Amino acid sequence: VVDGDTFWLDGTKYRIADINTPEVSSPQCPREAELGRRAGERLAQLLSAGPFTLTHVERDEDQYGRKLRVARRDGRSIGMALVAEGLAHEWQGYRQGWC
């Protein structure tokens, strides 16, 4: 896990397409840094909890070359679990602030 919405799997870097999480590399405030750290830890727990699938979205990759996918377990979005826990925003086509 790179951060709350990015991870590597079998040599491929993925960006969870249905959410946005706080930044860890360049947070705008201490609250964002803390939430970003927690989001990354929680994503690692969720992905490690068992098998999951990666569903294609409209775009295959983002501008950084990461594969855009929705991660699901038992038909439910793993990203939406982070949203429910206050560690992510549902992706609306733009970044929302955390400070």
PDB file of N, CA and C in Angstrom:
ATOM      1  N   VAL A   1       0.846  -1.177   0.000  1.00  0.00           N
ATOM      2  CA  VAL A   1       0.000   0.000   0.000  1.00  0.00           C
ATOM      3  C   VAL A   1       0.888   1.236   0.000  1.00  0.00           C
ATOM      4  N   VAL A   2       0.639   2.130  -0.943  1.00  0.00           N
ATOM      5  CA  VAL A   2       1.378   3.388  -1.047  1.00  0.00           C
ATOM      6  C   VAL A   2       0.732   4.436  -0.150  1.00  0.00           C
ATOM      7  N   ASP A   3      -0.582   4.543  -0.253  1.00  0.00           N
ATOM      8  CA  ASP A   3      -1.364   5.455   0.585  1.00  0.00           C
ATOM      9  C   ASP A   3      -2.799   4.932   0.614  1.00  0.00           C
ATOM     10  N   GLY A   4      -3.734   5.731   1.063  1.00  0.00           N
ATOM     11  CA  GLY A   4      -5.100   5.270   1.255  1.00  0.00           C
ATOM     12  C   GLY A   4      -5.860   4.903   0.000  1.00  0.00           C
ATOM     13  N   ASP A   5      -5.379   5.331  -1.171  1.00  0.00           N
ATOM     14  CA  ASP A   5      -6.092   4.980  -2.399  1.00  0.00           C
ATOM     15  C   ASP A   5      -5.184   4.427  -3.499  1.00  0.00           C
ATOM     16  N   THR A   6      -3.959   4.055  -3.146  1.00  0.00           N
ATOM     17  CA  THR A   6      -3.009   3.539  -4.127  1.00  0.00           C
ATOM     18  C   THR A   6      -2.270   2.332  -3.558  1.00  0.00           C
ATOM     19  N   PHE A   7      -2.129   1.297  -4.379  1.00  0.00           N
ATOM     20  CA  PHE A   7      -1.417   0.107  -3.935  1.00  0.00           C
ATOM     21  C   PHE A   7      -0.809  -0.623  -5.127  1.00  0.00           C
ATOM     22  N   TRP A   8       0.168  -1.449  -4.839  1.00  0.00           N
ATOM     23  CA  TRP A   8       0.802  -2.307  -5.833  1.00  0.00           C
ATOM     24  C   TRP A   8       0.257  -3.722  -5.675  1.00  0.00           C
ATOM     25  N   LEU A   9       0.045  -4.416  -6.790  1.00  0.00           N
ATOM     26  CA  LEU A   9      -0.365  -5.817  -6.771  1.00  0.00           C
ATOM     27  C   LEU A   9       0.247  -6.501  -7.978  1.00  0.00           C
ATOM     28  N   ASP A  10       1.035  -7.519  -7.736  1.00  0.00           N
ATOM     29  CA  ASP A  10       1.669  -8.289  -8.804  1.00  0.00           C
ATOM     30  C   ASP A  10       2.403  -7.403  -9.811  1.00  0.00           C
ATOM     31  N   GLY A  11       3.127  -6.404  -9.304  1.00  0.00           N
ATOM     32  CA  GLY A  11       3.936  -5.545 -10.156  1.00  0.00           C
ATOM     33  C   GLY A  11       3.196  -4.423 -10.857  1.00  0.00           C
ATOM     34  N   THR A  12       1.908  -4.286 -10.586  1.00  0.00           N
ATOM     35  CA  THR A  12       1.105  -3.221 -11.195  1.00  0.00           C
ATOM     36  C   THR A  12       0.628  -2.268 -10.112  1.00  0.00           C
ATOM     37  N   LYS A  13       0.720  -0.965 -10.406  1.00  0.00           N
ATOM     38  CA  LYS A  13       0.282   0.053  -9.460  1.00  0.00           C
ATOM     39  C   LYS A  13      -1.166   0.424  -9.766  1.00  0.00           C
ATOM     40  N   TYR A  14      -2.023   0.368  -8.745  1.00  0.00           N
ATOM     41  CA  TYR A  14      -3.448   0.654  -8.883  1.00  0.00           C
ATOM     42  C   TYR A  14      -3.852   1.871  -8.076  1.00  0.00           C
ATOM     43  N   ARG A  15      -4.793   2.613  -8.634  1.00  0.00           N
ATOM     44  CA  ARG A  15      -5.426   3.753  -7.946  1.00  0.00           C
ATOM     45  C   ARG A  15      -6.888   3.382  -7.796  1.00  0.00           C
ATOM     46  N   ILE A  16      -7.403   3.364  -6.559  1.00  0.00           N
ATOM     47  CA  ILE A  16      -8.804   3.051  -6.328  1.00  0.00           C
ATOM     48  C   ILE A  16      -9.634   4.200  -6.889  1.00  0.00           C
ATOM     49  N   ALA A  17     -10.454   3.894  -7.882  1.00  0.00           N
ATOM     50  CA  ALA A  17     -11.096   4.916  -8.700  1.00  0.00           C
ATOM     51  C   ALA A  17     -12.309   5.584  -8.070  1.00  0.00           C
ATOM     52  N   ASP A  18     -12.936   4.967  -7.080  1.00  0.00           N
ATOM     53  CA  ASP A  18     -14.181   5.541  -6.567  1.00  0.00           C
ATOM     54  C   ASP A  18     -14.004   6.392  -5.318  1.00  0.00           C
ATOM     55  N   ILE A  19     -12.746   6.623  -4.915  1.00  0.00           N
ATOM     56  CA  ILE A  19     -12.495   7.424  -3.712  1.00  0.00           C
ATOM     57  C   ILE A  19     -11.294   8.343  -3.906  1.00  0.00           C
ATOM     58  N   ASN A  20     -11.147   9.251  -2.971  1.00  0.00           N
ATOM     59  CA  ASN A  20      -9.938  10.051  -2.824  1.00  0.00           C
ATOM     60  C   ASN A  20      -9.631  10.121  -1.337  1.00  0.00           C
ATOM     61  N   THR A  21      -8.382   9.892  -0.980  1.00  0.00           N
ATOM     62  CA  THR A  21      -7.987   9.922   0.423  1.00  0.00           C
ATOM     63  C   THR A  21      -7.004  11.058   0.667  1.00  0.00           C
ATOM     64  N   PRO A  22      -6.804  11.414   1.928  1.00  0.00           N
ATOM     65  CA  PRO A  22      -5.862  12.481   2.254  1.00  0.00           C
ATOM     66  C   PRO A  22      -4.447  12.159   1.771  1.00  0.00           C
ATOM     67  N   GLU A  23      -3.721  13.199   1.431  1.00  0.00           N
ATOM     68  CA  GLU A  23      -2.352  13.041   0.950  1.00  0.00           C
ATOM     69  C   GLU A  23      -1.406  12.727   2.108  1.00  0.00           C
ATOM     70  N   VAL A  24      -0.438  11.874   1.834  1.00  0.00           N
ATOM     71  CA  VAL A  24       0.600  11.606   2.827  1.00  0.00           C
ATOM     72  C   VAL A  24       1.929  12.209   2.405  1.00  0.00           C
ATOM     73  N   SER A  25       2.144  12.364   1.108  1.00  0.00           N
ATOM     74  CA  SER A  25       3.430  12.892   0.633  1.00  0.00           C
ATOM     75  C   SER A  25       3.490  14.409   0.691  1.00  0.00           C
ATOM     76  N   SER A  26       2.359  15.080   0.536  1.00  0.00           N
ATOM     77  CA  SER A  26       2.347  16.544   0.598  1.00  0.00           C
ATOM     78  C   SER A  26       1.048  17.035   1.230  1.00  0.00           C
ATOM     79  N   PRO A  27       0.841  16.691   2.504  1.00  0.00           N
ATOM     80  CA  PRO A  27      -0.391  17.122   3.180  1.00  0.00           C
ATOM     81  C   PRO A  27      -0.418  18.637   3.357  1.00  0.00           C
ATOM     82  N   GLN A  28      -1.616  19.193   3.345  1.00  0.00           N
ATOM     83  CA  GLN A  28      -1.792  20.637   3.496  1.00  0.00           C
ATOM     84  C   GLN A  28      -1.876  21.082   4.957  1.00  0.00           C
ATOM     85  N   CYS A  29      -2.059  20.112   5.866  1.00  0.00           N
ATOM     86  CA  CYS A  29      -2.149  20.442   7.295  1.00  0.00           C
ATOM     87  C   CYS A  29      -1.899  19.169   8.105  1.00  0.00           C
ATOM     88  N   PRO A  30      -1.647  19.293   9.404  1.00  0.00           N
ATOM     89  CA  PRO A  30      -1.406  18.112  10.244  1.00  0.00           C
ATOM     90  C   PRO A  30      -2.589  17.127  10.247  1.00  0.00           C
ATOM     91  N   ARG A  31      -3.812  17.639  10.205  1.00  0.00           N
ATOM     92  CA  ARG A  31      -4.989  16.750  10.190  1.00  0.00           C
ATOM     93  C   ARG A  31      -4.971  15.873   8.946  1.00  0.00           C
ATOM     94  N   GLU A  32      -4.656  16.450   7.796  1.00  0.00           N
ATOM     95  CA  GLU A  32      -4.600  15.662   6.572  1.00  0.00           C
ATOM     96  C   GLU A  32      -3.500  14.603   6.664  1.00  0.00           C
ATOM     97  N   ALA A  33      -2.353  14.964   7.215  1.00  0.00           N
ATOM     98  CA  ALA A  33      -1.256  14.009   7.366  1.00  0.00           C
ATOM     99  C   ALA A  33      -1.684  12.823   8.225  1.00  0.00           C
ATOM    100  N   GLU A  34      -2.350  13.096   9.336  1.00  0.00           N
ATOM    101  CA  GLU A  34      -2.801  12.030  10.238  1.00  0.00           C
ATOM    102  C   GLU A  34      -3.866  11.160   9.578  1.00  0.00           C
ATOM    103  N   LEU A  35      -4.855  11.781   8.938  1.00  0.00           N
ATOM    104  CA  LEU A  35      -5.891  11.001   8.253  1.00  0.00           C
ATOM    105  C   LEU A  35      -5.307  10.179   7.109  1.00  0.00           C
ATOM    106  N   GLY A  36      -4.341  10.739   6.401  1.00  0.00           N
ATOM    107  CA  GLY A  36      -3.688  10.013   5.328  1.00  0.00           C
ATOM    108  C   GLY A  36      -2.960   8.781   5.822  1.00  0.00           C
ATOM    109  N   ARG A  37      -2.274   8.928   6.944  1.00  0.00           N
ATOM    110  CA  ARG A  37      -1.580   7.789   7.544  1.00  0.00           C
ATOM    111  C   ARG A  37      -2.574   6.706   7.935  1.00  0.00           C
ATOM    112  N   ARG A  38      -3.652   7.119   8.585  1.00  0.00           N
ATOM    113  CA  ARG A  38      -4.680   6.161   9.014  1.00  0.00           C
ATOM    114  C   ARG A  38      -5.362   5.496   7.821  1.00  0.00           C
ATOM    115  N   ALA A  39      -5.622   6.255   6.755  1.00  0.00           N
ATOM    116  CA  ALA A  39      -6.254   5.686   5.560  1.00  0.00           C
ATOM    117  C   ALA A  39      -5.375   4.616   4.933  1.00  0.00           C
ATOM    118  N   GLY A  40      -4.075   4.859   4.858  1.00  0.00           N
ATOM    119  CA  GLY A  40      -3.157   3.867   4.305  1.00  0.00           C
ATOM    120  C   GLY A  40      -3.117   2.588   5.135  1.00  0.00           C
ATOM    121  N   GLU A  41      -3.077   2.755   6.452  1.00  0.00           N
ATOM    122  CA  GLU A  41      -3.074   1.594   7.336  1.00  0.00           C
ATOM    123  C   GLU A  41      -4.368   0.799   7.186  1.00  0.00           C
ATOM    124  N   ARG A  42      -5.483   1.510   7.102  1.00  0.00           N
ATOM    125  CA  ARG A  42      -6.777   0.833   6.998  1.00  0.00           C
ATOM    126  C   ARG A  42      -6.922   0.130   5.651  1.00  0.00           C
ATOM    127  N   LEU A  43      -6.453   0.761   4.569  1.00  0.00           N
ATOM    128  CA  LEU A  43      -6.516   0.109   3.269  1.00  0.00           C
ATOM    129  C   LEU A  43      -5.714  -1.188   3.294  1.00  0.00           C
ATOM    130  N   ALA A  44      -4.547  -1.174   3.911  1.00  0.00           N
ATOM    131  CA  ALA A  44      -3.741  -2.386   4.013  1.00  0.00           C
ATOM    132  C   ALA A  44      -4.517  -3.490   4.742  1.00  0.00           C
ATOM    133  N   GLN A  45      -5.208  -3.131   5.809  1.00  0.00           N
ATOM    134  CA  GLN A  45      -6.013  -4.112   6.542  1.00  0.00           C
ATOM    135  C   GLN A  45      -7.132  -4.663   5.669  1.00  0.00           C
ATOM    136  N   LEU A  46      -7.831  -3.771   4.982  1.00  0.00           N
ATOM    137  CA  LEU A  46      -8.965  -4.201   4.155  1.00  0.00           C
ATOM    138  C   LEU A  46      -8.524  -5.093   2.999  1.00  0.00           C
ATOM    139  N   LEU A  47      -7.428  -4.729   2.336  1.00  0.00           N
ATOM    140  CA  LEU A  47      -6.959  -5.535   1.216  1.00  0.00           C
ATOM    141  C   LEU A  47      -6.431  -6.884   1.678  1.00  0.00           C
ATOM    142  N   SER A  48      -5.896  -6.938   2.875  1.00  0.00           N
ATOM    143  CA  SER A  48      -5.319  -8.183   3.399  1.00  0.00           C
ATOM    144  C   SER A  48      -6.365  -9.111   4.018  1.00  0.00           C
ATOM    145  N   ALA A  49      -7.588  -8.645   4.132  1.00  0.00           N
ATOM    146  CA  ALA A  49      -8.630  -9.418   4.821  1.00  0.00           C
ATOM    147  C   ALA A  49      -9.165 -10.590   4.013  1.00  0.00           C
ATOM    148  N   GLY A  50      -8.810 -10.674   2.745  1.00  0.00           N
ATOM    149  CA  GLY A  50      -9.279 -11.788   1.930  1.00  0.00           C
ATOM    150  C   GLY A  50      -9.322 -11.413   0.468  1.00  0.00           C
ATOM    151  N   PRO A  51      -9.768 -12.348  -0.363  1.00  0.00           N
ATOM    152  CA  PRO A  51      -9.808 -12.099  -1.808  1.00  0.00           C
ATOM    153  C   PRO A  51     -10.694 -10.898  -2.163  1.00  0.00           C
ATOM    154  N   PHE A  52     -10.273 -10.176  -3.195  1.00  0.00           N
ATOM    155  CA  PHE A  52     -11.059  -9.056  -3.706  1.00  0.00           C
ATOM    156  C   PHE A  52     -10.904  -9.013  -5.209  1.00  0.00           C
ATOM    157  N   THR A  53     -11.806  -8.301  -5.858  1.00  0.00           N
ATOM    158  CA  THR A  53     -11.738  -8.148  -7.305  1.00  0.00           C
ATOM    159  C   THR A  53     -11.450  -6.701  -7.639  1.00  0.00           C
ATOM    160  N   LEU A  54     -10.940  -6.479  -8.844  1.00  0.00           N
ATOM    161  CA  LEU A  54     -10.682  -5.136  -9.349  1.00  0.00           C
ATOM    162  C   LEU A  54     -11.542  -4.940 -10.589  1.00  0.00           C
ATOM    163  N   THR A  55     -12.437  -3.970 -10.547  1.00  0.00           N
ATOM    164  CA  THR A  55     -13.377  -3.699 -11.620  1.00  0.00           C
ATOM    165  C   THR A  55     -12.913  -2.511 -12.442  1.00  0.00           C
ATOM    166  N   HIS A  56     -12.933  -2.665 -13.754  1.00  0.00           N
ATOM    167  CA  HIS A  56     -12.564  -1.575 -14.660  1.00  0.00           C
ATOM    168  C   HIS A  56     -13.555  -0.419 -14.537  1.00  0.00           C
ATOM    169  N   VAL A  57     -13.050   0.787 -14.796  1.00  0.00           N
ATOM    170  CA  VAL A  57     -13.887   1.979 -14.881  1.00  0.00           C
ATOM    171  C   VAL A  57     -13.713   2.569 -16.274  1.00  0.00           C
ATOM    172  N   GLU A  58     -14.328   3.705 -16.521  1.00  0.00           N
ATOM    173  CA  GLU A  58     -14.303   4.304 -17.857  1.00  0.00           C
ATOM    174  C   GLU A  58     -12.884   4.507 -18.398  1.00  0.00           C
ATOM    175  N   ARG A  59     -12.001   5.079 -17.582  1.00  0.00           N
ATOM    176  CA  ARG A  59     -10.594   5.260 -17.987  1.00  0.00           C
ATOM    177  C   ARG A  59      -9.757   4.111 -17.453  1.00  0.00           C
ATOM    178  N   ASP A  60      -8.801   3.648 -18.240  1.00  0.00           N
ATOM    179  CA  ASP A  60      -7.945   2.543 -17.814  1.00  0.00           C
ATOM    180  C   ASP A  60      -6.853   3.002 -16.858  1.00  0.00           C
ATOM    181  N   GLU A  61      -6.268   4.188 -17.120  1.00  0.00           N
ATOM    182  CA  GLU A  61      -5.154   4.695 -16.323  1.00  0.00           C
ATOM    183  C   GLU A  61      -5.331   6.171 -16.018  1.00  0.00           C
ATOM    184  N   ASP A  62      -4.673   6.614 -14.936  1.00  0.00           N
ATOM    185  CA  ASP A  62      -4.643   8.045 -14.647  1.00  0.00           C
ATOM    186  C   ASP A  62      -3.393   8.665 -15.268  1.00  0.00           C
ATOM    187  N   GLN A  63      -3.182   9.953 -15.044  1.00  0.00           N
ATOM    188  CA  GLN A  63      -2.065  10.666 -15.657  1.00  0.00           C
ATOM    189  C   GLN A  63      -0.711  10.200 -15.136  1.00  0.00           C
ATOM    190  N   TYR A  64      -0.690   9.422 -14.045  1.00  0.00           N
ATOM    191  CA  TYR A  64       0.562   8.908 -13.480  1.00  0.00           C
ATOM    192  C   TYR A  64       0.825   7.458 -13.890  1.00  0.00           C
ATOM    193  N   GLY A  65      -0.014   6.908 -14.751  1.00  0.00           N
ATOM    194  CA  GLY A  65       0.169   5.541 -15.223  1.00  0.00           C
ATOM    195  C   GLY A  65      -0.380   4.474 -14.296  1.00  0.00           C
ATOM    196  N   ARG A  66      -1.098   4.897 -13.253  1.00  0.00           N
ATOM    197  CA  ARG A  66      -1.707   3.919 -12.351  1.00  0.00           C
ATOM    198  C   ARG A  66      -2.992   3.382 -12.981  1.00  0.00           C
ATOM    199  N   LYS A  67      -3.229   2.091 -12.847  1.00  0.00           N
ATOM    200  CA  LYS A  67      -4.468   1.488 -13.331  1.00  0.00           C
ATOM    201  C   LYS A  67      -5.614   1.939 -12.432  1.00  0.00           C
ATOM    202  N   LEU A  68      -6.682   2.431 -13.027  1.00  0.00           N
ATOM    203  CA  LEU A  68      -7.850   2.881 -12.276  1.00  0.00           C
ATOM    204  C   LEU A  68      -8.837   1.724 -12.153  1.00  0.00           C
ATOM    205  N   ARG A  69      -9.118   1.332 -10.927  1.00  0.00           N
ATOM    206  CA  ARG A  69     -10.017   0.211 -10.679  1.00  0.00           C
ATOM    207  C   ARG A  69     -10.814   0.458  -9.397  1.00  0.00           C
ATOM    208  N   VAL A  70     -11.964  -0.188  -9.295  1.00  0.00           N
ATOM    209  CA  VAL A  70     -12.726  -0.219  -8.052  1.00  0.00           C
ATOM    210  C   VAL A  70     -12.443  -1.574  -7.412  1.00  0.00           C
ATOM    211  N   ALA A  71     -11.970  -1.547  -6.181  1.00  0.00           N
ATOM    212  CA  ALA A  71     -11.684  -2.778  -5.439  1.00  0.00           C
ATOM    213  C   ALA A  71     -12.955  -3.213  -4.718  1.00  0.00           C
ATOM    214  N   ARG A  72     -13.339  -4.479  -4.914  1.00  0.00           N
ATOM    215  CA  ARG A  72     -14.570  -4.994  -4.306  1.00  0.00           C
ATOM    216  C   ARG A  72     -14.326  -6.336  -3.624  1.00  0.00           C
ATOM    217  N   ARG A  73     -15.045  -6.513  -2.542  1.00  0.00           N
ATOM    218  CA  ARG A  73     -15.102  -7.805  -1.864  1.00  0.00           C
ATOM    219  C   ARG A  73     -16.574  -8.101  -1.618  1.00  0.00           C
ATOM    220  N   ASP A  74     -16.994  -9.271  -2.029  1.00  0.00           N
ATOM    221  CA  ASP A  74     -18.399  -9.676  -1.874  1.00  0.00           C
ATOM    222  C   ASP A  74     -19.340  -8.650  -2.489  1.00  0.00           C
ATOM    223  N   GLY A  75     -18.925  -8.049  -3.618  1.00  0.00           N
ATOM    224  CA  GLY A  75     -19.758  -7.088  -4.322  1.00  0.00           C
ATOM    225  C   GLY A  75     -19.767  -5.687  -3.737  1.00  0.00           C
ATOM    226  N   ARG A  76     -19.076  -5.483  -2.645  1.00  0.00           N
ATOM    227  CA  ARG A  76     -19.061  -4.169  -1.975  1.00  0.00           C
ATOM    228  C   ARG A  76     -17.720  -3.482  -2.190  1.00  0.00           C
ATOM    229  N   SER A  77     -17.778  -2.187  -2.434  1.00  0.00           N
ATOM    230  CA  SER A  77     -16.575  -1.395  -2.659  1.00  0.00           C
ATOM    231  C   SER A  77     -15.754  -1.271  -1.378  1.00  0.00           C
ATOM    232  N   ILE A  78     -14.490  -1.632  -1.466  1.00  0.00           N
ATOM    233  CA  ILE A  78     -13.572  -1.445  -0.344  1.00  0.00           C
ATOM    234  C   ILE A  78     -13.368   0.048  -0.098  1.00  0.00           C
ATOM    235  N   GLY A  79     -13.350   0.830  -1.176  1.00  0.00           N
ATOM    236  CA  GLY A  79     -13.210   2.275  -1.026  1.00  0.00           C
ATOM    237  C   GLY A  79     -14.342   2.900  -0.235  1.00  0.00           C
ATOM    238  N   MET A  80     -15.568   2.423  -0.458  1.00  0.00           N
ATOM    239  CA  MET A  80     -16.715   2.975   0.265  1.00  0.00           C
ATOM    240  C   MET A  80     -16.649   2.645   1.753  1.00  0.00           C
ATOM    241  N   ALA A  81     -15.940   1.574   2.112  1.00  0.00           N
ATOM    242  CA  ALA A  81     -15.715   1.287   3.534  1.00  0.00           C
ATOM    243  C   ALA A  81     -14.856   2.396   4.147  1.00  0.00           C
ATOM    244  N   LEU A  82     -13.854   2.865   3.389  1.00  0.00           N
ATOM    245  CA  LEU A  82     -13.031   3.976   3.878  1.00  0.00           C
ATOM    246  C   LEU A  82     -13.849   5.258   3.983  1.00  0.00           C
ATOM    247  N   VAL A  83     -14.756   5.483   3.030  1.00  0.00           N
ATOM    248  CA  VAL A  83     -15.634   6.655   3.094  1.00  0.00           C
ATOM    249  C   VAL A  83     -16.488   6.580   4.357  1.00  0.00           C
ATOM    250  N   ALA A  84     -17.086   5.428   4.616  1.00  0.00           N
ATOM    251  CA  ALA A  84     -17.954   5.248   5.790  1.00  0.00           C
ATOM    252  C   ALA A  84     -17.196   5.489   7.095  1.00  0.00           C
ATOM    253  N   GLU A  85     -15.892   5.222   7.084  1.00  0.00           N
ATOM    254  CA  GLU A  85     -15.072   5.411   8.284  1.00  0.00           C
ATOM    255  C   GLU A  85     -14.472   6.815   8.373  1.00  0.00           C
ATOM    256  N   GLY A  86     -14.793   7.689   7.422  1.00  0.00           N
ATOM    257  CA  GLY A  86     -14.285   9.053   7.452  1.00  0.00           C
ATOM    258  C   GLY A  86     -12.848   9.192   6.981  1.00  0.00           C
ATOM    259  N   LEU A  87     -12.319   8.164   6.302  1.00  0.00           N
ATOM    260  CA  LEU A  87     -10.930   8.177   5.852  1.00  0.00           C
ATOM    261  C   LEU A  87     -10.794   8.432   4.359  1.00  0.00           C
ATOM    262  N   ALA A  88     -11.908   8.674   3.679  1.00  0.00           N
ATOM    263  CA  ALA A  88     -11.894   8.944   2.239  1.00  0.00           C
ATOM    264  C   ALA A  88     -13.135   9.743   1.878  1.00  0.00           C
ATOM    265  N   HIS A  89     -13.065  10.412   0.741  1.00  0.00           N
ATOM    266  CA  HIS A  89     -14.232  11.043   0.128  1.00  0.00           C
ATOM    267  C   HIS A  89     -14.595  10.231  -1.105  1.00  0.00           C
ATOM    268  N   GLU A  90     -15.875  10.136  -1.380  1.00  0.00           N
ATOM    269  CA  GLU A  90     -16.279   9.522  -2.635  1.00  0.00           C
ATOM    270  C   GLU A  90     -15.781  10.412  -3.768  1.00  0.00           C
ATOM    271  N   TRP A  91     -15.194   9.815  -4.819  1.00  0.00           N
ATOM    272  CA  TRP A  91     -14.630  10.590  -5.913  1.00  0.00           C
ATOM    273  C   TRP A  91     -15.742  11.303  -6.676  1.00  0.00           C
ATOM    274  N   GLN A  92     -15.618  12.623  -6.795  1.00  0.00           N
ATOM    275  CA  GLN A  92     -16.602  13.459  -7.485  1.00  0.00           C
ATOM    276  C   GLN A  92     -16.015  14.094  -8.748  1.00  0.00           C
ATOM    277  N   GLY A  93     -14.819  13.689  -9.126  1.00  0.00           N
ATOM    278  CA  GLY A  93     -14.160  14.274 -10.279  1.00  0.00           C
ATOM    279  C   GLY A  93     -13.185  15.380  -9.909  1.00  0.00           C
ATOM    280  N   TYR A  94     -13.074  15.657  -8.622  1.00  0.00           N
ATOM    281  CA  TYR A  94     -12.143  16.675  -8.128  1.00  0.00           C
ATOM    282  C   TYR A  94     -11.793  16.346  -6.676  1.00  0.00           C
ATOM    283  N   ARG A  95     -10.661  16.879  -6.227  1.00  0.00           N
ATOM    284  CA  ARG A  95     -10.226  16.649  -4.846  1.00  0.00           C
ATOM    285  C   ARG A  95     -10.961  17.582  -3.882  1.00  0.00           C
ATOM    286  N   GLN A  96     -11.353  17.032  -2.760  1.00  0.00           N
ATOM    287  CA  GLN A  96     -11.951  17.833  -1.691  1.00  0.00           C
ATOM    288  C   GLN A  96     -10.898  18.031  -0.602  1.00  0.00           C
ATOM    289  N   GLY A  97     -10.994  19.110   0.123  1.00  0.00           N
ATOM    290  CA  GLY A  97     -10.019  19.415   1.164  1.00  0.00           C
ATOM    291  C   GLY A  97     -10.204  18.593   2.420  1.00  0.00           C
ATOM    292  N   TRP A  98      -9.129  18.498   3.174  1.00  0.00           N
ATOM    293  CA  TRP A  98      -9.130  17.762   4.433  1.00  0.00           C
ATOM    294  C   TRP A  98      -8.780  18.656   5.623  1.00  0.00           C
ATOM    295  N   CYS A  99      -8.447  19.896   5.372  1.00  0.00           N
ATOM    296  CA  CYS A  99      -8.005  20.792   6.450  1.00  0.00           C
ATOM    297  C   CYS A  99      -9.139  21.683   6.949  1.00  0.00           C
TER     298      CYS A  99
END
